Amino acid sequence: RLVESGGGLVQPGGSLRLSCAASGNFLNVYRMGWFRQAPGD
């Protein structure tokens, strides 16, 4: 299970930090990362 957090509202030029916590049954992580998708894109 991957749970993201940290999204919200920010003005241009601002900063924000996203987090993603992995849990469950796995031995090791080869890769973790972020994708993004706007509606229709």
PDB file of all heavy atoms in Angstrom:
ATOM      1  N   ARG A   1       0.831  -1.187   0.000  1.00  0.00           N
ATOM      2  CA  ARG A   1       0.000   0.000   0.000  1.00  0.00           C
ATOM      3  C   ARG A   1       0.870   1.242   0.000  1.00  0.00           C
ATOM      4  O   ARG A   1       1.837   1.328   0.758  1.00  0.00           O
ATOM      5  CB  ARG A   1      -0.933  -0.001   1.204  1.00  0.00           C
ATOM      6  CG  ARG A   1      -1.861   1.190   1.269  1.00  0.00           C
ATOM      7  CD  ARG A   1      -2.899   0.995   2.355  1.00  0.00           C
ATOM      8  NE  ARG A   1      -2.288   0.853   3.663  1.00  0.00           N
ATOM      9  CZ  ARG A   1      -2.968   0.573   4.768  1.00  0.00           C
ATOM     10  NH1 ARG A   1      -4.276   0.383   4.716  1.00  0.00           N
ATOM     11  NH2 ARG A   1      -2.333   0.457   5.923  1.00  0.00           N
ATOM     12  N   LEU A   2       0.510   2.184  -0.831  1.00  0.00           N
ATOM     13  CA  LEU A   2       1.187   3.462  -0.904  1.00  0.00           C
ATOM     14  C   LEU A   2       0.202   4.551  -0.525  1.00  0.00           C
ATOM     15  O   LEU A   2      -0.892   4.629  -1.087  1.00  0.00           O
ATOM     16  CB  LEU A   2       1.722   3.729  -2.312  1.00  0.00           C
ATOM     17  CG  LEU A   2       2.728   2.718  -2.867  1.00  0.00           C
ATOM     18  CD1 LEU A   2       3.066   3.058  -4.311  1.00  0.00           C
ATOM     19  CD2 LEU A   2       3.987   2.696  -2.019  1.00  0.00           C
ATOM     20  N   VAL A   3       0.593   5.376   0.413  1.00  0.00           N
ATOM     21  CA  VAL A   3      -0.266   6.448   0.887  1.00  0.00           C
ATOM     22  C   VAL A   3       0.448   7.768   0.684  1.00  0.00           C
ATOM     23  O   VAL A   3       1.489   8.017   1.293  1.00  0.00           O
ATOM     24  CB  VAL A   3      -0.650   6.257   2.364  1.00  0.00           C
ATOM     25  CG1 VAL A   3      -1.540   7.406   2.828  1.00  0.00           C
ATOM     26  CG2 VAL A   3      -1.354   4.930   2.565  1.00  0.00           C
ATOM     27  N   GLU A   4      -0.123   8.608  -0.163  1.00  0.00           N
ATOM     28  CA  GLU A   4       0.442   9.923  -0.431  1.00  0.00           C
ATOM     29  C   GLU A   4      -0.190  10.964   0.483  1.00  0.00           C
ATOM     30  O   GLU A   4      -1.346  10.840   0.890  1.00  0.00           O
ATOM     31  CB  GLU A   4       0.204  10.345  -1.888  1.00  0.00           C
ATOM     32  CG  GLU A   4       0.740   9.378  -2.919  1.00  0.00           C
ATOM     33  CD  GLU A   4      -0.348   8.520  -3.518  1.00  0.00           C
ATOM     34  OE1 GLU A   4      -1.327   8.218  -2.806  1.00  0.00           O
ATOM     35  OE2 GLU A   4      -0.228   8.146  -4.702  1.00  0.00           O
ATOM     36  N   SER A   5       0.574  11.991   0.757  1.00  0.00           N
ATOM     37  CA  SER A   5       0.074  13.108   1.530  1.00  0.00           C
ATOM     38  C   SER A   5       0.878  14.346   1.174  1.00  0.00           C
ATOM     39  O   SER A   5       1.935  14.261   0.558  1.00  0.00           O
ATOM     40  CB  SER A   5       0.139  12.834   3.034  1.00  0.00           C
ATOM     41  OG  SER A   5       1.474  12.651   3.464  1.00  0.00           O
ATOM     42  N   GLY A   6       0.383  15.489   1.586  1.00  0.00           N
ATOM     43  CA  GLY A   6       1.111  16.730   1.409  1.00  0.00           C
ATOM     44  C   GLY A   6       0.582  17.648   0.333  1.00  0.00           C
ATOM     45  O   GLY A   6       1.052  18.781   0.206  1.00  0.00           O
ATOM     46  N   GLY A   7      -0.369  17.180  -0.447  1.00  0.00           N
ATOM     47  CA  GLY A   7      -0.944  18.046  -1.452  1.00  0.00           C
ATOM     48  C   GLY A   7      -1.755  19.159  -0.825  1.00  0.00           C
ATOM     49  O   GLY A   7      -2.114  19.114   0.351  1.00  0.00           O
ATOM     50  N   GLY A   8      -2.028  20.172  -1.619  1.00  0.00           N
ATOM     51  CA  GLY A   8      -2.795  21.284  -1.115  1.00  0.00           C
ATOM     52  C   GLY A   8      -2.757  22.460  -2.058  1.00  0.00           C
ATOM     53  O   GLY A   8      -2.506  22.313  -3.258  1.00  0.00           O
ATOM     54  N   LEU A   9      -3.011  23.619  -1.500  1.00  0.00           N
ATOM     55  CA  LEU A   9      -3.052  24.861  -2.258  1.00  0.00           C
ATOM     56  C   LEU A   9      -1.768  25.650  -2.043  1.00  0.00           C
ATOM     57  O   LEU A   9      -1.295  25.782  -0.913  1.00  0.00           O
ATOM     58  CB  LEU A   9      -4.246  25.709  -1.826  1.00  0.00           C
ATOM     59  CG  LEU A   9      -5.635  25.082  -1.960  1.00  0.00           C
ATOM     60  CD1 LEU A   9      -6.676  26.001  -1.360  1.00  0.00           C
ATOM     61  CD2 LEU A   9      -5.957  24.783  -3.413  1.00  0.00           C
ATOM     62  N   VAL A  10      -1.232  26.179  -3.122  1.00  0.00           N
ATOM     63  CA  VAL A  10      -0.024  26.983  -3.035  1.00  0.00           C
ATOM     64  C   VAL A  10      -0.038  28.003  -4.169  1.00  0.00           C
ATOM     65  O   VAL A  10      -0.574  27.734  -5.249  1.00  0.00           O
ATOM     66  CB  VAL A  10       1.239  26.101  -3.085  1.00  0.00           C
ATOM     67  CG1 VAL A  10       1.339  25.376  -4.420  1.00  0.00           C
ATOM     68  CG2 VAL A  10       2.494  26.898  -2.794  1.00  0.00           C
ATOM     69  N   GLN A  11       0.531  29.159  -3.925  1.00  0.00           N
ATOM     70  CA  GLN A  11       0.601  30.174  -4.958  1.00  0.00           C
ATOM     71  C   GLN A  11       1.833  29.958  -5.830  1.00  0.00           C
ATOM     72  O   GLN A  11       2.788  29.295  -5.420  1.00  0.00           O
ATOM     73  CB  GLN A  11       0.631  31.570  -4.341  1.00  0.00           C
ATOM     74  CG  GLN A  11       1.867  31.873  -3.514  1.00  0.00           C
ATOM     75  CD  GLN A  11       1.818  33.260  -2.916  1.00  0.00           C
ATOM     76  OE1 GLN A  11       0.800  33.942  -2.960  1.00  0.00           O
ATOM     77  NE2 GLN A  11       2.930  33.694  -2.347  1.00  0.00           N
ATOM     78  N   PRO A  12       1.830  30.487  -7.048  1.00  0.00           N
ATOM     79  CA  PRO A  12       3.021  30.363  -7.888  1.00  0.00           C
ATOM     80  C   PRO A  12       4.264  30.892  -7.186  1.00  0.00           C
ATOM     81  O   PRO A  12       4.229  31.928  -6.534  1.00  0.00           O
ATOM     82  CB  PRO A  12       2.674  31.207  -9.115  1.00  0.00           C
ATOM     83  CG  PRO A  12       1.183  31.174  -9.178  1.00  0.00           C
ATOM     84  CD  PRO A  12       0.736  31.177  -7.733  1.00  0.00           C
ATOM     85  N   GLY A  13       5.350  30.156  -7.339  1.00  0.00           N
ATOM     86  CA  GLY A  13       6.589  30.490  -6.662  1.00  0.00           C
ATOM     87  C   GLY A  13       6.721  29.882  -5.292  1.00  0.00           C
ATOM     88  O   GLY A  13       7.811  29.934  -4.700  1.00  0.00           O
ATOM     89  N   GLY A  14       5.659  29.313  -4.788  1.00  0.00           N
ATOM     90  CA  GLY A  14       5.678  28.713  -3.477  1.00  0.00           C
ATOM     91  C   GLY A  14       6.263  27.318  -3.477  1.00  0.00           C
ATOM     92  O   GLY A  14       6.695  26.797  -4.508  1.00  0.00           O
ATOM     93  N   SER A  15       6.256  26.710  -2.308  1.00  0.00           N
ATOM     94  CA  SER A  15       6.847  25.398  -2.116  1.00  0.00           C
ATOM     95  C   SER A  15       5.887  24.485  -1.382  1.00  0.00           C
ATOM     96  O   SER A  15       5.033  24.931  -0.608  1.00  0.00           O
ATOM     97  CB  SER A  15       8.154  25.497  -1.319  1.00  0.00           C
ATOM     98  OG  SER A  15       9.125  26.265  -2.000  1.00  0.00           O
ATOM     99  N   LEU A  16       6.057  23.211  -1.619  1.00  0.00           N
ATOM    100  CA  LEU A  16       5.264  22.196  -0.954  1.00  0.00           C
ATOM    101  C   LEU A  16       6.041  20.893  -0.985  1.00  0.00           C
ATOM    102  O   LEU A  16       6.841  20.663  -1.905  1.00  0.00           O
ATOM    103  CB  LEU A  16       3.916  22.027  -1.654  1.00  0.00           C
ATOM    104  CG  LEU A  16       2.748  21.472  -0.836  1.00  0.00           C
ATOM    105  CD1 LEU A  16       2.376  22.450   0.280  1.00  0.00           C
ATOM    106  CD2 LEU A  16       1.547  21.229  -1.730  1.00  0.00           C
ATOM    107  N   ARG A  17       5.816  20.062   0.006  1.00  0.00           N
ATOM    108  CA  ARG A  17       6.476  18.765   0.045  1.00  0.00           C
ATOM    109  C   ARG A  17       5.446  17.649   0.104  1.00  0.00           C
ATOM    110  O   ARG A  17       4.576  17.640   0.983  1.00  0.00           O
ATOM    111  CB  ARG A  17       7.429  18.647   1.240  1.00  0.00           C
ATOM    112  CG  ARG A  17       8.302  17.395   1.171  1.00  0.00           C
ATOM    113  CD  ARG A  17       9.322  17.316   2.287  1.00  0.00           C
ATOM    114  NE  ARG A  17       8.709  16.926   3.558  1.00  0.00           N
ATOM    115  CZ  ARG A  17       9.388  16.413   4.585  1.00  0.00           C
ATOM    116  NH1 ARG A  17      10.710  16.243   4.484  1.00  0.00           N
ATOM    117  NH2 ARG A  17       8.765  16.101   5.708  1.00  0.00           N
ATOM    118  N   LEU A  18       5.577  16.711  -0.815  1.00  0.00           N
ATOM    119  CA  LEU A  18       4.735  15.536  -0.841  1.00  0.00           C
ATOM    120  C   LEU A  18       5.447  14.370  -0.172  1.00  0.00           C
ATOM    121  O   LEU A  18       6.671  14.262  -0.220  1.00  0.00           O
ATOM    122  CB  LEU A  18       4.382  15.141  -2.276  1.00  0.00           C
ATOM    123  CG  LEU A  18       3.752  16.210  -3.166  1.00  0.00           C
ATOM    124  CD1 LEU A  18       3.438  15.614  -4.534  1.00  0.00           C
ATOM    125  CD2 LEU A  18       2.511  16.802  -2.519  1.00  0.00           C
ATOM    126  N   SER A  19       4.661  13.502   0.426  1.00  0.00           N
ATOM    127  CA  SER A  19       5.192  12.308   1.058  1.00  0.00           C
ATOM    128  C   SER A  19       4.457  11.087   0.537  1.00  0.00           C
ATOM    129  O   SER A  19       3.278  11.156   0.190  1.00  0.00           O
ATOM    130  CB  SER A  19       5.048  12.373   2.580  1.00  0.00           C
ATOM    131  OG  SER A  19       5.743  13.473   3.124  1.00  0.00           O
ATOM    132  N   CYS A  20       5.152   9.978   0.498  1.00  0.00           N
ATOM    133  CA  CYS A  20       4.556   8.710   0.120  1.00  0.00           C
ATOM    134  C   CYS A  20       5.152   7.630   0.994  1.00  0.00           C
ATOM    135  O   CYS A  20       6.360   7.375   0.934  1.00  0.00           O
ATOM    136  CB  CYS A  20       4.802   8.404  -1.354  1.00  0.00           C
ATOM    137  SG  CYS A  20       4.244   6.758  -1.857  1.00  0.00           S
ATOM    138  N   ALA A  21       4.314   6.992   1.768  1.00  0.00           N
ATOM    139  CA  ALA A  21       4.740   5.935   2.672  1.00  0.00           C
ATOM    140  C   ALA A  21       4.289   4.587   2.140  1.00  0.00           C
ATOM    141  O   ALA A  21       3.113   4.396   1.819  1.00  0.00           O
ATOM    142  CB  ALA A  21       4.182   6.170   4.069  1.00  0.00           C
ATOM    143  N   ALA A  22       5.223   3.663   2.058  1.00  0.00           N
ATOM    144  CA  ALA A  22       4.936   2.312   1.595  1.00  0.00           C
ATOM    145  C   ALA A  22       4.835   1.366   2.782  1.00  0.00           C
ATOM    146  O   ALA A  22       5.647   1.422   3.711  1.00  0.00           O
ATOM    147  CB  ALA A  22       6.022   1.829   0.641  1.00  0.00           C
ATOM    148  N   SER A  23       3.851   0.500   2.733  1.00  0.00           N
ATOM    149  CA  SER A  23       3.685  -0.496   3.774  1.00  0.00           C
ATOM    150  C   SER A  23       3.144  -1.772   3.156  1.00  0.00           C
ATOM    151  O   SER A  23       2.616  -1.761   2.049  1.00  0.00           O
ATOM    152  CB  SER A  23       2.752  -0.002   4.881  1.00  0.00           C
ATOM    153  OG  SER A  23       1.453   0.250   4.375  1.00  0.00           O
ATOM    154  N   GLY A  24       3.287  -2.858   3.881  1.00  0.00           N
ATOM    155  CA  GLY A  24       2.776  -4.127   3.410  1.00  0.00           C
ATOM    156  C   GLY A  24       3.856  -5.177   3.312  1.00  0.00           C
ATOM    157  O   GLY A  24       4.894  -5.093   3.977  1.00  0.00           O
ATOM    158  N   ASN A  25       3.605  -6.148   2.468  1.00  0.00           N
ATOM    159  CA  ASN A  25       4.466  -7.313   2.350  1.00  0.00           C
ATOM    160  C   ASN A  25       5.402  -7.158   1.160  1.00  0.00           C
ATOM    161  O   ASN A  25       5.039  -7.460   0.020  1.00  0.00           O
ATOM    162  CB  ASN A  25       3.622  -8.583   2.210  1.00  0.00           C
ATOM    163  CG  ASN A  25       4.450  -9.841   2.221  1.00  0.00           C
ATOM    164  OD1 ASN A  25       5.593  -9.842   2.686  1.00  0.00           O
ATOM    165  ND2 ASN A  25       3.878 -10.922   1.706  1.00  0.00           N
ATOM    166  N   PHE A  26       6.608  -6.677   1.421  1.00  0.00           N
ATOM    167  CA  PHE A  26       7.632  -6.601   0.393  1.00  0.00           C
ATOM    168  C   PHE A  26       8.995  -6.733   1.046  1.00  0.00           C
ATOM    169  O   PHE A  26       9.169  -6.442   2.234  1.00  0.00           O
ATOM    170  CB  PHE A  26       7.534  -5.307  -0.426  1.00  0.00           C
ATOM    171  CG  PHE A  26       7.680  -4.054   0.382  1.00  0.00           C
ATOM    172  CD1 PHE A  26       8.927  -3.472   0.562  1.00  0.00           C
ATOM    173  CD2 PHE A  26       6.579  -3.445   0.951  1.00  0.00           C
ATOM    174  CE1 PHE A  26       9.072  -2.312   1.294  1.00  0.00           C
ATOM    175  CE2 PHE A  26       6.708  -2.283   1.696  1.00  0.00           C
ATOM    176  CZ  PHE A  26       7.953  -1.723   1.866  1.00  0.00           C
ATOM    177  N   LEU A  27       9.964  -7.158   0.241  1.00  0.00           N
ATOM    178  CA  LEU A  27      11.298  -7.405   0.765  1.00  0.00           C
ATOM    179  C   LEU A  27      12.212  -6.201   0.619  1.00  0.00           C
ATOM    180  O   LEU A  27      12.929  -5.850   1.549  1.00  0.00           O
ATOM    181  CB  LEU A  27      11.922  -8.622   0.074  1.00  0.00           C
ATOM    182  CG  LEU A  27      11.171  -9.939   0.259  1.00  0.00           C
ATOM    183  CD1 LEU A  27      11.873 -11.053  -0.495  1.00  0.00           C
ATOM    184  CD2 LEU A  27      11.053 -10.280   1.733  1.00  0.00           C
ATOM    185  N   ASN A  28      12.209  -5.602  -0.541  1.00  0.00           N
ATOM    186  CA  ASN A  28      13.008  -4.417  -0.754  1.00  0.00           C
ATOM    187  C   ASN A  28      12.416  -3.617  -1.901  1.00  0.00           C
ATOM    188  O   ASN A  28      11.611  -4.114  -2.679  1.00  0.00           O
ATOM    189  CB  ASN A  28      14.479  -4.762  -1.021  1.00  0.00           C
ATOM    190  CG  ASN A  28      14.670  -5.549  -2.292  1.00  0.00           C
ATOM    191  OD1 ASN A  28      14.249  -6.698  -2.403  1.00  0.00           O
ATOM    192  ND2 ASN A  28      15.322  -4.918  -3.275  1.00  0.00           N
ATOM    193  N   VAL A  29      12.870  -2.388  -1.986  1.00  0.00           N
ATOM    194  CA  VAL A  29      12.343  -1.451  -2.963  1.00  0.00           C
ATOM    195  C   VAL A  29      13.375  -1.214  -4.049  1.00  0.00           C
ATOM    196  O   VAL A  29      14.503  -0.820  -3.754  1.00  0.00           O
ATOM    197  CB  VAL A  29      11.956  -0.119  -2.289  1.00  0.00           C
ATOM    198  CG1 VAL A  29      11.445   0.873  -3.323  1.00  0.00           C
ATOM    199  CG2 VAL A  29      10.920  -0.353  -1.201  1.00  0.00           C
ATOM    200  N   TYR A  30      12.978  -1.450  -5.287  1.00  0.00           N
ATOM    201  CA  TYR A  30      13.856  -1.165  -6.417  1.00  0.00           C
ATOM    202  C   TYR A  30      13.773   0.300  -6.834  1.00  0.00           C
ATOM    203  O   TYR A  30      14.782   0.902  -7.202  1.00  0.00           O
ATOM    204  CB  TYR A  30      13.504  -2.045  -7.610  1.00  0.00           C
ATOM    205  CG  TYR A  30      13.764  -3.507  -7.398  1.00  0.00           C
ATOM    206  CD1 TYR A  30      12.721  -4.435  -7.451  1.00  0.00           C
ATOM    207  CD2 TYR A  30      15.045  -3.986  -7.158  1.00  0.00           C
ATOM    208  CE1 TYR A  30      12.956  -5.783  -7.262  1.00  0.00           C
ATOM    209  CE2 TYR A  30      15.281  -5.337  -6.970  1.00  0.00           C
ATOM    210  CZ  TYR A  30      14.233  -6.232  -7.025  1.00  0.00           C
ATOM    211  OH  TYR A  30      14.470  -7.577  -6.841  1.00  0.00           O
ATOM    212  N   ARG A  31      12.591   0.837  -6.764  1.00  0.00           N
ATOM    213  CA  ARG A  31      12.360   2.195  -7.212  1.00  0.00           C
ATOM    214  C   ARG A  31      11.117   2.745  -6.548  1.00  0.00           C
ATOM    215  O   ARG A  31      10.137   2.032  -6.362  1.00  0.00           O
ATOM    216  CB  ARG A  31      12.177   2.251  -8.739  1.00  0.00           C
ATOM    217  CG  ARG A  31      11.850   3.638  -9.286  1.00  0.00           C
ATOM    218  CD  ARG A  31      11.198   3.545 -10.666  1.00  0.00           C
ATOM    219  NE  ARG A  31       9.935   2.824 -10.605  1.00  0.00           N
ATOM    220  CZ  ARG A  31       8.771   3.371 -10.254  1.00  0.00           C
ATOM    221  NH1 ARG A  31       8.701   4.668  -9.932  1.00  0.00           N
ATOM    222  NH2 ARG A  31       7.672   2.636 -10.221  1.00  0.00           N
ATOM    223  N   MET A  32      11.162   3.999  -6.207  1.00  0.00           N
ATOM    224  CA  MET A  32       9.973   4.734  -5.810  1.00  0.00           C
ATOM    225  C   MET A  32      10.006   6.084  -6.504  1.00  0.00           C
ATOM    226  O   MET A  32      11.075   6.640  -6.741  1.00  0.00           O
ATOM    227  CB  MET A  32       9.877   4.927  -4.299  1.00  0.00           C
ATOM    228  CG  MET A  32       9.653   3.651  -3.515  1.00  0.00           C
ATOM    229  SD  MET A  32       9.344   3.949  -1.755  1.00  0.00           S
ATOM    230  CE  MET A  32       7.671   4.607  -1.828  1.00  0.00           C
ATOM    231  N   GLY A  33       8.846   6.584  -6.814  1.00  0.00           N
ATOM    232  CA  GLY A  33       8.822   7.865  -7.488  1.00  0.00           C
ATOM    233  C   GLY A  33       7.430   8.415  -7.652  1.00  0.00           C
ATOM    234  O   GLY A  33       6.461   7.903  -7.086  1.00  0.00           O
ATOM    235  N   TRP A  34       7.376   9.471  -8.442  1.00  0.00           N
ATOM    236  CA  TRP A  34       6.157  10.239  -8.601  1.00  0.00           C
ATOM    237  C   TRP A  34       5.802  10.420 -10.053  1.00  0.00           C
ATOM    238  O   TRP A  34       6.669  10.681 -10.894  1.00  0.00           O
ATOM    239  CB  TRP A  34       6.302  11.623  -7.962  1.00  0.00           C
ATOM    240  CG  TRP A  34       6.501  11.585  -6.482  1.00  0.00           C
ATOM    241  CD1 TRP A  34       7.685  11.536  -5.811  1.00  0.00           C
ATOM    242  CD2 TRP A  34       5.479  11.596  -5.488  1.00  0.00           C
ATOM    243  NE1 TRP A  34       7.468  11.522  -4.464  1.00  0.00           N
ATOM    244  CE2 TRP A  34       6.116  11.556  -4.233  1.00  0.00           C
ATOM    245  CE3 TRP A  34       4.089  11.641  -5.535  1.00  0.00           C
ATOM    246  CZ2 TRP A  34       5.408  11.558  -3.030  1.00  0.00           C
ATOM    247  CZ3 TRP A  34       3.388  11.634  -4.342  1.00  0.00           C
ATOM    248  CH2 TRP A  34       4.043  11.597  -3.110  1.00  0.00           C
ATOM    249  N   PHE A  35       4.530  10.267 -10.330  1.00  0.00           N
ATOM    250  CA  PHE A  35       3.924  10.648 -11.587  1.00  0.00           C
ATOM    251  C   PHE A  35       2.876  11.709 -11.302  1.00  0.00           C
ATOM    252  O   PHE A  35       2.442  11.875 -10.170  1.00  0.00           O
ATOM    253  CB  PHE A  35       3.264   9.451 -12.273  1.00  0.00           C
ATOM    254  CG  PHE A  35       4.222   8.413 -12.773  1.00  0.00           C
ATOM    255  CD1 PHE A  35       4.794   7.501 -11.901  1.00  0.00           C
ATOM    256  CD2 PHE A  35       4.533   8.327 -14.119  1.00  0.00           C
ATOM    257  CE1 PHE A  35       5.669   6.530 -12.356  1.00  0.00           C
ATOM    258  CE2 PHE A  35       5.410   7.355 -14.590  1.00  0.00           C
ATOM    259  CZ  PHE A  35       5.975   6.462 -13.702  1.00  0.00           C
ATOM    260  N   ARG A  36       2.458  12.407 -12.329  1.00  0.00           N
ATOM    261  CA  ARG A  36       1.363  13.344 -12.176  1.00  0.00           C
ATOM    262  C   ARG A  36       0.466  13.282 -13.399  1.00  0.00           C
ATOM    263  O   ARG A  36       0.906  12.969 -14.500  1.00  0.00           O
ATOM    264  CB  ARG A  36       1.858  14.765 -11.944  1.00  0.00           C
ATOM    265  CG  ARG A  36       2.635  15.382 -13.093  1.00  0.00           C
ATOM    266  CD  ARG A  36       3.223  16.720 -12.669  1.00  0.00           C
ATOM    267  NE  ARG A  36       3.928  17.383 -13.759  1.00  0.00           N
ATOM    268  CZ  ARG A  36       4.617  18.500 -13.623  1.00  0.00           C
ATOM    269  NH1 ARG A  36       4.693  19.097 -12.439  1.00  0.00           N
ATOM    270  NH2 ARG A  36       5.232  19.037 -14.676  1.00  0.00           N
ATOM    271  N   GLN A  37      -0.793  13.597 -13.173  1.00  0.00           N
ATOM    272  CA  GLN A  37      -1.762  13.526 -14.248  1.00  0.00           C
ATOM    273  C   GLN A  37      -2.900  14.489 -13.969  1.00  0.00           C
ATOM    274  O   GLN A  37      -3.561  14.387 -12.935  1.00  0.00           O
ATOM    275  CB  GLN A  37      -2.299  12.103 -14.406  1.00  0.00           C
ATOM    276  CG  GLN A  37      -3.220  11.916 -15.592  1.00  0.00           C
ATOM    277  CD  GLN A  37      -3.620  10.472 -15.775  1.00  0.00           C
ATOM    278  OE1 GLN A  37      -3.643   9.694 -14.825  1.00  0.00           O
ATOM    279  NE2 GLN A  37      -3.920  10.089 -17.013  1.00  0.00           N
ATOM    280  N   ALA A  38      -3.104  15.405 -14.888  1.00  0.00           N
ATOM    281  CA  ALA A  38      -4.254  16.287 -14.825  1.00  0.00           C
ATOM    282  C   ALA A  38      -5.420  15.635 -15.555  1.00  0.00           C
ATOM    283  O   ALA A  38      -5.218  14.827 -16.467  1.00  0.00           O
ATOM    284  CB  ALA A  38      -3.922  17.636 -15.455  1.00  0.00           C
ATOM    285  N   PRO A  39      -6.636  15.962 -15.165  1.00  0.00           N
ATOM    286  CA  PRO A  39      -7.792  15.383 -15.859  1.00  0.00           C
ATOM    287  C   PRO A  39      -7.732  15.632 -17.355  1.00  0.00           C
ATOM    288  O   PRO A  39      -7.533  16.760 -17.807  1.00  0.00           O
ATOM    289  CB  PRO A  39      -8.978  16.102 -15.214  1.00  0.00           C
ATOM    290  CG  PRO A  39      -8.485  16.478 -13.856  1.00  0.00           C
ATOM    291  CD  PRO A  39      -7.026  16.817 -14.050  1.00  0.00           C
ATOM    292  N   GLY A  40      -7.881  14.567 -18.125  1.00  0.00           N
ATOM    293  CA  GLY A  40      -7.854  14.665 -19.570  1.00  0.00           C
ATOM    294  C   GLY A  40      -6.481  14.590 -20.196  1.00  0.00           C
ATOM    295  O   GLY A  40      -6.374  14.538 -21.423  1.00  0.00           O
ATOM    296  N   ASP A  41      -5.439  14.598 -19.388  1.00  0.00           N
ATOM    297  CA  ASP A  41      -4.077  14.540 -19.893  1.00  0.00           C
ATOM    298  C   ASP A  41      -3.468  13.176 -19.613  1.00  0.00           C
ATOM    299  O   ASP A  41      -3.945  12.411 -18.776  1.00  0.00           O
ATOM    300  CB  ASP A  41      -3.206  15.626 -19.262  1.00  0.00           C
ATOM    301  CG  ASP A  41      -3.592  17.020 -19.707  1.00  0.00           C
ATOM    302  OD1 ASP A  41      -4.188  17.157 -20.783  1.00  0.00           O
ATOM    303  OD2 ASP A  41      -3.285  17.979 -18.964  1.00  0.00           O
TER     304      ASP A  41
END
